[in-house]
Amino acid sequence: MGCWVKFWGVRGSVPCPSPDHVVYGGNTSCVEVVLDGRHIILDAGTGLRLLGKSWLARGITQGTLLMTHTHWDHIIGFPFFAPAYRADFSLDIMAGHVSHNGGIRRLFSTSMADPMFPVPLDSMNSRMTFRDFQPWDTFVLEDAVHVATAPLNHPNGATGYRLEYAGLAICYITDTEHVPNQPDRNVLHLIEGADLVIYDSTYTDEEFGAKIGWGHSTWQEGIRLCRMAGAKRLAVFHHEPEHDDAFMGRLEDEVRQRWTHALVARDGMELTLRP
């Protein structure tokens, strides 16, 4: 019994397919969580394309997609998610920030409508369900995975998640902006005692002042919050596109020196968690 996590996309804002973004990766946000055969996807950035190829090879026919929000970098991989075009595949898609804008199905459909994309959502042959919920809602996936949610501080809104299963807690907190010297109580509530916190670490504290209002946080704030909440492990995530491999290597050294329980997420990184 345990939990397997794979990072298929760790970059924020825009994909970075360049020779300077090879080590840490250039795909945008997409994380796979497998809990004893229950398959959950967190966000649908460009990493979702490779995840889809993997699911076809592994024969996975059912999953749940939890969306933090619907900015381009978090949805752009969805039209290229190959399993969604197969009649033998089923996918539940959930979001907690857009019920007032017509719901998550309408937004996915709009993003794939003429002239934005040549293949409409209705051409996907899989069995898809779309569910909107409200911030702070809780629910259960596949009769076993307990999900808690909270609103995040991001332009147009975003949702943070806490997945609990068999004594484990995995939290996904992106995209969100902190207020200096005012720990975000919504985030602290979600990540209390968590085994793994995946946190928006787009900037450094030194860069943050010039980026206030952009809706992102720093790796230093992630460490501060995890320590306050008694979380066991932090994954630095949603890397700034201008942070190339050389920058990220220096950042990773600093992260390790600051807190031994923190790691810097890379495309393709896998983690196994056990109670």
C-alpha atoms as a PDB file:
ATOM      1  CA  MET A   1       0.000   0.000   0.000  1.00  0.00           C
ATOM      2  CA  GLY A   2       1.373   3.412  -0.882  1.00  0.00           C
ATOM      3  CA  CYS A   3       1.425   6.417  -3.150  1.00  0.00           C
ATOM      4  CA  TRP A   4       3.360   7.087  -6.327  1.00  0.00           C
ATOM      5  CA  VAL A   5       3.800  10.622  -7.664  1.00  0.00           C
ATOM      6  CA  LYS A   6       5.266  11.592 -11.025  1.00  0.00           C
ATOM      7  CA  PHE A   7       5.980  15.106 -12.278  1.00  0.00           C
ATOM      8  CA  TRP A   8       5.140  15.361 -15.976  1.00  0.00           C
ATOM      9  CA  GLY A   9       5.403  19.156 -16.110  1.00  0.00           C
ATOM     10  CA  VAL A  10       6.978  21.483 -13.545  1.00  0.00           C
ATOM     11  CA  ARG A  11       7.343  24.775 -15.421  1.00  0.00           C
ATOM     12  CA  GLY A  12       5.068  27.785 -14.980  1.00  0.00           C
ATOM     13  CA  SER A  13       3.569  30.376 -17.309  1.00  0.00           C
ATOM     14  CA  VAL A  14       4.839  29.081 -20.659  1.00  0.00           C
ATOM     15  CA  PRO A  15       6.535  25.912 -22.004  1.00  0.00           C
ATOM     16  CA  CYS A  16      10.310  26.139 -22.401  1.00  0.00           C
ATOM     17  CA  PRO A  17      11.477  23.720 -25.136  1.00  0.00           C
ATOM     18  CA  SER A  18      15.061  24.966 -25.234  1.00  0.00           C
ATOM     19  CA  PRO A  19      18.552  23.493 -24.684  1.00  0.00           C
ATOM     20  CA  ASP A  20      18.786  25.586 -21.505  1.00  0.00           C
ATOM     21  CA  HIS A  21      15.744  23.868 -19.921  1.00  0.00           C
ATOM     22  CA  VAL A  22      16.656  20.193 -20.290  1.00  0.00           C
ATOM     23  CA  VAL A  23      17.727  19.144 -16.802  1.00  0.00           C
ATOM     24  CA  TYR A  24      14.720  20.505 -14.910  1.00  0.00           C
ATOM     25  CA  GLY A  25      12.258  20.415 -17.790  1.00  0.00           C
ATOM     26  CA  GLY A  26      10.180  22.779 -19.863  1.00  0.00           C
ATOM     27  CA  ASN A  27       6.686  21.263 -19.740  1.00  0.00           C
ATOM     28  CA  THR A  28       3.997  23.159 -17.862  1.00  0.00           C
ATOM     29  CA  SER A  29       2.093  21.955 -14.824  1.00  0.00           C
ATOM     30  CA  CYS A  30       0.950  18.350 -14.738  1.00  0.00           C
ATOM     31  CA  VAL A  31       1.366  15.862 -11.881  1.00  0.00           C
ATOM     32  CA  GLU A  32       0.201  12.248 -11.692  1.00  0.00           C
ATOM     33  CA  VAL A  33      -0.774  10.672  -8.364  1.00  0.00           C
ATOM     34  CA  VAL A  34      -1.434   6.924  -8.182  1.00  0.00           C
ATOM     35  CA  LEU A  35      -3.018   5.561  -5.014  1.00  0.00           C
ATOM     36  CA  ASP A  36      -3.281   1.774  -5.156  1.00  0.00           C
ATOM     37  CA  GLY A  37      -4.567   1.801  -8.715  1.00  0.00           C
ATOM     38  CA  ARG A  38      -6.548   5.037  -8.435  1.00  0.00           C
ATOM     39  CA  HIS A  39      -5.208   7.511 -10.990  1.00  0.00           C
ATOM     40  CA  ILE A  40      -5.440  11.253 -10.362  1.00  0.00           C
ATOM     41  CA  ILE A  41      -4.081  14.051 -12.556  1.00  0.00           C
ATOM     42  CA  LEU A  42      -3.342  17.494 -11.162  1.00  0.00           C
ATOM     43  CA  ASP A  43      -3.618  20.102 -13.942  1.00  0.00           C
ATOM     44  CA  ALA A  44      -3.454  19.743 -17.704  1.00  0.00           C
ATOM     45  CA  GLY A  45      -0.348  21.630 -18.838  1.00  0.00           C
ATOM     46  CA  THR A  46       1.862  20.443 -21.679  1.00  0.00           C
ATOM     47  CA  GLY A  47       3.102  17.576 -19.522  1.00  0.00           C
ATOM     48  CA  LEU A  48      -0.325  15.965 -19.997  1.00  0.00           C
ATOM     49  CA  ARG A  49       0.580  14.899 -23.542  1.00  0.00           C
ATOM     50  CA  LEU A  50       3.381  12.627 -22.318  1.00  0.00           C
ATOM     51  CA  LEU A  51       1.260  11.395 -19.423  1.00  0.00           C
ATOM     52  CA  GLY A  52      -1.401  10.384 -21.951  1.00  0.00           C
ATOM     53  CA  LYS A  53       1.092   8.374 -23.983  1.00  0.00           C
ATOM     54  CA  SER A  54       2.177   6.639 -20.797  1.00  0.00           C
ATOM     55  CA  TRP A  55      -1.410   5.808 -19.845  1.00  0.00           C
ATOM     56  CA  LEU A  56      -2.038   4.235 -23.245  1.00  0.00           C
ATOM     57  CA  ALA A  57       1.101   2.106 -22.883  1.00  0.00           C
ATOM     58  CA  ARG A  58       0.097   1.100 -19.334  1.00  0.00           C
ATOM     59  CA  GLY A  59      -3.489   0.283 -20.300  1.00  0.00           C
ATOM     60  CA  ILE A  60      -5.074   2.803 -17.927  1.00  0.00           C
ATOM     61  CA  THR A  61      -8.731   3.357 -18.845  1.00  0.00           C
ATOM     62  CA  GLN A  62     -10.034   5.591 -16.054  1.00  0.00           C
ATOM     63  CA  GLY A  63      -8.881   8.667 -14.162  1.00  0.00           C
ATOM     64  CA  THR A  64      -9.749  11.959 -12.486  1.00  0.00           C
ATOM     65  CA  LEU A  65      -8.419  15.376 -13.520  1.00  0.00           C
ATOM     66  CA  LEU A  66      -8.374  18.044 -10.802  1.00  0.00           C
ATOM     67  CA  MET A  67      -7.851  21.580 -12.086  1.00  0.00           C
ATOM     68  CA  THR A  68      -6.348  24.364 -10.007  1.00  0.00           C
ATOM     69  CA  HIS A  69      -7.432  26.956 -12.578  1.00  0.00           C
ATOM     70  CA  THR A  70      -7.736  27.470 -16.320  1.00  0.00           C
ATOM     71  CA  HIS A  71      -4.943  29.815 -17.359  1.00  0.00           C
ATOM     72  CA  TRP A  72      -3.335  28.661 -20.601  1.00  0.00           C
ATOM     73  CA  ASP A  73      -0.278  27.030 -19.076  1.00  0.00           C
ATOM     74  CA  HIS A  74      -2.508  24.718 -17.028  1.00  0.00           C
ATOM     75  CA  ILE A  75      -4.921  23.617 -19.793  1.00  0.00           C
ATOM     76  CA  ILE A  76      -2.880  23.696 -22.993  1.00  0.00           C
ATOM     77  CA  GLY A  77      -2.041  19.989 -22.867  1.00  0.00           C
ATOM     78  CA  PHE A  78      -5.646  18.820 -22.753  1.00  0.00           C
ATOM     79  CA  PRO A  79      -6.370  18.774 -26.527  1.00  0.00           C
ATOM     80  CA  PHE A  80      -3.295  16.526 -26.916  1.00  0.00           C
ATOM     81  CA  PHE A  81      -4.317  14.014 -24.230  1.00  0.00           C
ATOM     82  CA  ALA A  82      -4.641  10.932 -26.435  1.00  0.00           C
ATOM     83  CA  PRO A  83      -6.720   8.727 -24.080  1.00  0.00           C
ATOM     84  CA  ALA A  84      -9.554  11.275 -24.249  1.00  0.00           C
ATOM     85  CA  TYR A  85     -10.140  10.308 -27.892  1.00  0.00           C
ATOM     86  CA  ARG A  86     -10.734   6.615 -27.085  1.00  0.00           C
ATOM     87  CA  ALA A  87     -14.222   5.232 -26.505  1.00  0.00           C
ATOM     88  CA  ASP A  88     -12.958   2.817 -23.850  1.00  0.00           C
ATOM     89  CA  PHE A  89     -11.592   5.602 -21.649  1.00  0.00           C
ATOM     90  CA  SER A  90     -13.408   7.571 -18.946  1.00  0.00           C
ATOM     91  CA  LEU A  91     -12.296  10.793 -17.263  1.00  0.00           C
ATOM     92  CA  ASP A  92     -13.850  12.875 -14.490  1.00  0.00           C
ATOM     93  CA  ILE A  93     -12.850  16.558 -14.689  1.00  0.00           C
ATOM     94  CA  MET A  94     -13.319  18.784 -11.651  1.00  0.00           C
ATOM     95  CA  ALA A  95     -12.694  22.452 -10.858  1.00  0.00           C
ATOM     96  CA  GLY A  96     -13.537  24.789  -8.002  1.00  0.00           C
ATOM     97  CA  HIS A  97     -13.090  28.274  -9.439  1.00  0.00           C
ATOM     98  CA  VAL A  98     -15.324  28.697 -12.509  1.00  0.00           C
ATOM     99  CA  SER A  99     -18.927  27.834 -11.637  1.00  0.00           C
ATOM    100  CA  HIS A 100     -19.737  31.547 -11.921  1.00  0.00           C
ATOM    101  CA  ASN A 101     -18.277  31.573 -15.455  1.00  0.00           C
ATOM    102  CA  GLY A 102     -20.409  28.797 -16.851  1.00  0.00           C
ATOM    103  CA  GLY A 103     -18.473  25.883 -15.442  1.00  0.00           C
ATOM    104  CA  ILE A 104     -15.430  23.846 -16.361  1.00  0.00           C
ATOM    105  CA  ARG A 105     -17.039  22.088 -19.336  1.00  0.00           C
ATOM    106  CA  ARG A 106     -17.861  25.370 -21.049  1.00  0.00           C
ATOM    107  CA  LEU A 107     -14.321  26.663 -20.567  1.00  0.00           C
ATOM    108  CA  PHE A 108     -12.720  23.503 -21.953  1.00  0.00           C
ATOM    109  CA  SER A 109     -15.132  23.580 -24.874  1.00  0.00           C
ATOM    110  CA  THR A 110     -14.384  27.244 -25.566  1.00  0.00           C
ATOM    111  CA  SER A 111     -10.635  26.654 -25.565  1.00  0.00           C
ATOM    112  CA  MET A 112     -11.055  23.964 -28.254  1.00  0.00           C
ATOM    113  CA  ALA A 113     -13.617  25.825 -30.367  1.00  0.00           C
ATOM    114  CA  ASP A 114     -13.083  27.308 -33.835  1.00  0.00           C
ATOM    115  CA  PRO A 115     -10.849  29.248 -34.453  1.00  0.00           C
ATOM    116  CA  MET A 116      -8.840  28.367 -31.329  1.00  0.00           C
ATOM    117  CA  PHE A 117      -8.399  24.671 -32.161  1.00  0.00           C
ATOM    118  CA  PRO A 118      -9.412  22.493 -35.134  1.00  0.00           C
ATOM    119  CA  VAL A 119     -10.843  19.602 -33.071  1.00  0.00           C
ATOM    120  CA  PRO A 120     -13.826  20.433 -30.819  1.00  0.00           C
ATOM    121  CA  LEU A 121     -14.305  18.969 -27.370  1.00  0.00           C
ATOM    122  CA  ASP A 122     -17.297  16.951 -28.570  1.00  0.00           C
ATOM    123  CA  SER A 123     -15.012  15.041 -30.964  1.00  0.00           C
ATOM    124  CA  MET A 124     -13.310  13.402 -28.013  1.00  0.00           C
ATOM    125  CA  ASN A 125     -14.854   9.928 -27.920  1.00  0.00           C
ATOM    126  CA  SER A 126     -14.158   9.106 -24.288  1.00  0.00           C
ATOM    127  CA  ARG A 127     -16.726   9.193 -21.520  1.00  0.00           C
ATOM    128  CA  MET A 128     -16.090  12.501 -19.769  1.00  0.00           C
ATOM    129  CA  THR A 129     -17.913  14.031 -16.847  1.00  0.00           C
ATOM    130  CA  PHE A 130     -17.474  17.625 -15.696  1.00  0.00           C
ATOM    131  CA  ARG A 131     -18.109  18.722 -12.127  1.00  0.00           C
ATOM    132  CA  ASP A 132     -17.864  22.158 -10.586  1.00  0.00           C
ATOM    133  CA  PHE A 133     -17.544  22.625  -6.845  1.00  0.00           C
ATOM    134  CA  GLN A 134     -17.077  25.536  -4.474  1.00  0.00           C
ATOM    135  CA  PRO A 135     -13.927  26.492  -2.551  1.00  0.00           C
ATOM    136  CA  TRP A 136     -13.712  24.671   0.797  1.00  0.00           C
ATOM    137  CA  ASP A 137     -15.802  21.775  -0.539  1.00  0.00           C
ATOM    138  CA  THR A 138     -14.680  18.276   0.385  1.00  0.00           C
ATOM    139  CA  PHE A 139     -15.436  15.091  -1.537  1.00  0.00           C
ATOM    140  CA  VAL A 140     -14.340  11.491  -1.988  1.00  0.00           C
ATOM    141  CA  LEU A 141     -12.866   9.970  -5.162  1.00  0.00           C
ATOM    142  CA  GLU A 142     -13.464   6.299  -5.922  1.00  0.00           C
ATOM    143  CA  ASP A 143     -14.815   5.673  -2.420  1.00  0.00           C
ATOM    144  CA  ALA A 144     -11.357   5.991  -0.903  1.00  0.00           C
ATOM    145  CA  VAL A 145      -9.468   9.234  -1.640  1.00  0.00           C
ATOM    146  CA  HIS A 146     -10.629  12.099   0.565  1.00  0.00           C
ATOM    147  CA  VAL A 147     -10.140  15.512  -1.020  1.00  0.00           C
ATOM    148  CA  ALA A 148     -10.125  18.849   0.785  1.00  0.00           C
ATOM    149  CA  THR A 149      -9.976  22.145  -1.117  1.00  0.00           C
ATOM    150  CA  ALA A 150      -9.314  25.810  -0.434  1.00  0.00           C
ATOM    151  CA  PRO A 151      -9.219  29.015  -2.504  1.00  0.00           C
ATOM    152  CA  LEU A 152      -5.813  30.379  -3.484  1.00  0.00           C
ATOM    153  CA  ASN A 153      -4.673  33.949  -4.092  1.00  0.00           C
ATOM    154  CA  HIS A 154      -4.350  34.118  -7.882  1.00  0.00           C
ATOM    155  CA  PRO A 155      -5.802  36.351 -10.645  1.00  0.00           C
ATOM    156  CA  ASN A 156      -9.163  34.869 -11.790  1.00  0.00           C
ATOM    157  CA  GLY A 157      -9.049  32.431  -8.877  1.00  0.00           C
ATOM    158  CA  ALA A 158      -7.440  29.052  -8.231  1.00  0.00           C
ATOM    159  CA  THR A 159      -7.973  26.028  -5.992  1.00  0.00           C
ATOM    160  CA  GLY A 160      -5.567  24.167  -3.730  1.00  0.00           C
ATOM    161  CA  TYR A 161      -5.976  20.443  -3.015  1.00  0.00           C
ATOM    162  CA  ARG A 162      -5.217  18.005  -0.226  1.00  0.00           C
ATOM    163  CA  LEU A 163      -5.514  14.307  -1.121  1.00  0.00           C
ATOM    164  CA  GLU A 164      -5.750  11.872   1.793  1.00  0.00           C
ATOM    165  CA  TYR A 165      -5.526   8.125   1.387  1.00  0.00           C
ATOM    166  CA  ALA A 166      -4.528   5.294   3.739  1.00  0.00           C
ATOM    167  CA  GLY A 167      -2.815   7.600   6.209  1.00  0.00           C
ATOM    168  CA  LEU A 168      -1.015   9.692   3.571  1.00  0.00           C
ATOM    169  CA  ALA A 169      -1.625  13.330   2.644  1.00  0.00           C
ATOM    170  CA  ILE A 170      -0.417  14.930  -0.605  1.00  0.00           C
ATOM    171  CA  CYS A 171      -1.041  18.650  -1.180  1.00  0.00           C
ATOM    172  CA  TYR A 172      -0.950  20.562  -4.462  1.00  0.00           C
ATOM    173  CA  ILE A 173      -0.722  24.330  -3.945  1.00  0.00           C
ATOM    174  CA  THR A 174      -0.238  26.276  -7.187  1.00  0.00           C
ATOM    175  CA  ASP A 175      -0.793  29.060  -8.347  1.00  0.00           C
ATOM    176  CA  THR A 176      -0.887  31.336  -5.322  1.00  0.00           C
ATOM    177  CA  GLU A 177       0.669  34.573  -4.069  1.00  0.00           C
ATOM    178  CA  HIS A 178       1.605  35.069  -0.443  1.00  0.00           C
ATOM    179  CA  VAL A 179       1.616  38.301   1.540  1.00  0.00           C
ATOM    180  CA  PRO A 180       5.002  38.900   3.173  1.00  0.00           C
ATOM    181  CA  ASN A 181       4.996  38.235   6.915  1.00  0.00           C
ATOM    182  CA  GLN A 182       1.354  37.085   6.784  1.00  0.00           C
ATOM    183  CA  PRO A 183       1.251  33.282   6.466  1.00  0.00           C
ATOM    184  CA  ASP A 184      -1.639  32.196   4.237  1.00  0.00           C
ATOM    185  CA  ARG A 185      -4.138  30.515   6.568  1.00  0.00           C
ATOM    186  CA  ASN A 186      -5.874  28.764   3.671  1.00  0.00           C
ATOM    187  CA  VAL A 187      -2.615  27.111   2.683  1.00  0.00           C
ATOM    188  CA  LEU A 188      -1.658  26.272   6.263  1.00  0.00           C
ATOM    189  CA  HIS A 189      -5.045  24.629   6.750  1.00  0.00           C
ATOM    190  CA  LEU A 190      -4.515  22.369   3.725  1.00  0.00           C
ATOM    191  CA  ILE A 191      -0.910  21.370   4.319  1.00  0.00           C
ATOM    192  CA  GLU A 192      -0.992  20.683   8.074  1.00  0.00           C
ATOM    193  CA  GLY A 193       1.058  17.545   8.732  1.00  0.00           C
ATOM    194  CA  ALA A 194       1.131  16.622   5.037  1.00  0.00           C
ATOM    195  CA  ASP A 195       3.547  13.983   3.766  1.00  0.00           C
ATOM    196  CA  LEU A 196       4.250  15.955   0.567  1.00  0.00           C
ATOM    197  CA  VAL A 197       3.499  19.564  -0.349  1.00  0.00           C
ATOM    198  CA  ILE A 198       3.886  20.585  -3.992  1.00  0.00           C
ATOM    199  CA  TYR A 199       4.106  24.373  -3.792  1.00  0.00           C
ATOM    200  CA  ASP A 200       4.212  27.309  -6.217  1.00  0.00           C
ATOM    201  CA  SER A 201       7.846  28.445  -6.030  1.00  0.00           C
ATOM    202  CA  THR A 202       7.998  30.551  -9.180  1.00  0.00           C
ATOM    203  CA  TYR A 203      10.227  33.247  -7.710  1.00  0.00           C
ATOM    204  CA  THR A 204      12.901  33.749  -5.112  1.00  0.00           C
ATOM    205  CA  ASP A 205      12.324  36.114  -2.209  1.00  0.00           C
ATOM    206  CA  GLU A 206      14.698  38.537  -3.930  1.00  0.00           C
ATOM    207  CA  GLU A 207      12.599  38.541  -7.120  1.00  0.00           C
ATOM    208  CA  PHE A 208       9.235  38.623  -5.413  1.00  0.00           C
ATOM    209  CA  GLY A 209       8.966  42.356  -4.749  1.00  0.00           C
ATOM    210  CA  ALA A 210       8.898  43.178  -8.450  1.00  0.00           C
ATOM    211  CA  LYS A 211       6.250  40.503  -9.127  1.00  0.00           C
ATOM    212  CA  ILE A 212       3.576  41.354  -6.578  1.00  0.00           C
ATOM    213  CA  GLY A 213       0.147  40.986  -8.161  1.00  0.00           C
ATOM    214  CA  TRP A 214       1.246  38.276 -10.606  1.00  0.00           C
ATOM    215  CA  GLY A 215      -0.185  35.526  -8.416  1.00  0.00           C
ATOM    216  CA  HIS A 216       2.866  33.454  -7.491  1.00  0.00           C
ATOM    217  CA  SER A 217       5.023  32.666  -4.480  1.00  0.00           C
ATOM    218  CA  THR A 218       8.606  31.736  -3.591  1.00  0.00           C
ATOM    219  CA  TRP A 219      10.443  28.601  -2.534  1.00  0.00           C
ATOM    220  CA  GLN A 220      11.486  30.305   0.693  1.00  0.00           C
ATOM    221  CA  GLU A 221       7.823  30.932   1.559  1.00  0.00           C
ATOM    222  CA  GLY A 222       7.093  27.291   0.776  1.00  0.00           C
ATOM    223  CA  ILE A 223       9.682  26.208   3.327  1.00  0.00           C
ATOM    224  CA  ARG A 224       8.368  28.661   5.899  1.00  0.00           C
ATOM    225  CA  LEU A 225       4.798  27.401   5.480  1.00  0.00           C
ATOM    226  CA  CYS A 226       5.796  23.730   5.582  1.00  0.00           C
ATOM    227  CA  ARG A 227       7.752  24.230   8.760  1.00  0.00           C
ATOM    228  CA  MET A 228       4.862  26.096  10.380  1.00  0.00           C
ATOM    229  CA  ALA A 229       2.391  23.388   9.353  1.00  0.00           C
ATOM    230  CA  GLY A 230       4.590  20.456  10.309  1.00  0.00           C
ATOM    231  CA  ALA A 231       4.635  19.135   6.746  1.00  0.00           C
ATOM    232  CA  LYS A 232       7.178  16.407   6.117  1.00  0.00           C
ATOM    233  CA  ARG A 233       8.396  17.212   2.603  1.00  0.00           C
ATOM    234  CA  LEU A 234       8.285  20.073   0.098  1.00  0.00           C
ATOM    235  CA  ALA A 235       8.504  19.905  -3.696  1.00  0.00           C
ATOM    236  CA  VAL A 236       9.576  23.232  -5.208  1.00  0.00           C
ATOM    237  CA  PHE A 237       7.363  23.582  -8.299  1.00  0.00           C
ATOM    238  CA  HIS A 238       6.075  25.859 -11.111  1.00  0.00           C
ATOM    239  CA  HIS A 239       9.499  27.171 -12.101  1.00  0.00           C
ATOM    240  CA  GLU A 240       9.877  30.603 -13.688  1.00  0.00           C
ATOM    241  CA  PRO A 241      10.603  30.263 -17.453  1.00  0.00           C
ATOM    242  CA  GLU A 242      13.625  32.579 -17.165  1.00  0.00           C
ATOM    243  CA  HIS A 243      15.200  30.224 -14.627  1.00  0.00           C
ATOM    244  CA  ASP A 244      17.311  28.069 -16.923  1.00  0.00           C
ATOM    245  CA  ASP A 245      19.219  24.941 -15.891  1.00  0.00           C
ATOM    246  CA  ALA A 246      22.213  26.909 -14.626  1.00  0.00           C
ATOM    247  CA  PHE A 247      19.980  29.088 -12.437  1.00  0.00           C
ATOM    248  CA  MET A 248      17.976  26.087 -11.242  1.00  0.00           C
ATOM    249  CA  GLY A 249      21.142  24.203 -10.295  1.00  0.00           C
ATOM    250  CA  ARG A 250      22.231  27.047  -8.030  1.00  0.00           C
ATOM    251  CA  LEU A 251      18.707  27.331  -6.645  1.00  0.00           C
ATOM    252  CA  GLU A 252      18.596  23.600  -5.880  1.00  0.00           C
ATOM    253  CA  ASP A 253      21.846  23.842  -3.907  1.00  0.00           C
ATOM    254  CA  GLU A 254      20.410  26.683  -1.862  1.00  0.00           C
ATOM    255  CA  VAL A 255      17.122  24.850  -1.271  1.00  0.00           C
ATOM    256  CA  ARG A 256      18.975  21.773   0.044  1.00  0.00           C
ATOM    257  CA  GLN A 257      21.075  23.900   2.366  1.00  0.00           C
ATOM    258  CA  ARG A 258      18.009  25.722   3.684  1.00  0.00           C
ATOM    259  CA  TRP A 259      15.884  22.626   4.416  1.00  0.00           C
ATOM    260  CA  THR A 260      16.907  19.003   3.955  1.00  0.00           C
ATOM    261  CA  HIS A 261      13.270  17.964   3.525  1.00  0.00           C
ATOM    262  CA  ALA A 262      12.836  20.082   0.380  1.00  0.00           C
ATOM    263  CA  LEU A 263      13.483  18.998  -3.203  1.00  0.00           C
ATOM    264  CA  VAL A 264      13.300  20.739  -6.555  1.00  0.00           C
ATOM    265  CA  ALA A 265      10.836  19.042  -8.907  1.00  0.00           C
ATOM    266  CA  ARG A 266      11.970  18.074 -12.421  1.00  0.00           C
ATOM    267  CA  ASP A 267      10.098  16.745 -15.428  1.00  0.00           C
ATOM    268  CA  GLY A 268      10.043  12.964 -15.079  1.00  0.00           C
ATOM    269  CA  MET A 269      10.823  12.907 -11.353  1.00  0.00           C
ATOM    270  CA  GLU A 270       9.093  10.088  -9.449  1.00  0.00           C
ATOM    271  CA  LEU A 271       8.423   9.840  -5.714  1.00  0.00           C
ATOM    272  CA  THR A 272       7.097   6.931  -3.677  1.00  0.00           C
ATOM    273  CA  LEU A 273       5.397   7.663  -0.368  1.00  0.00           C
ATOM    274  CA  ARG A 274       4.396   5.141   2.274  1.00  0.00           C
ATOM    275  CA  PRO A 275       2.462   5.533   5.541  1.00  0.00           C
END
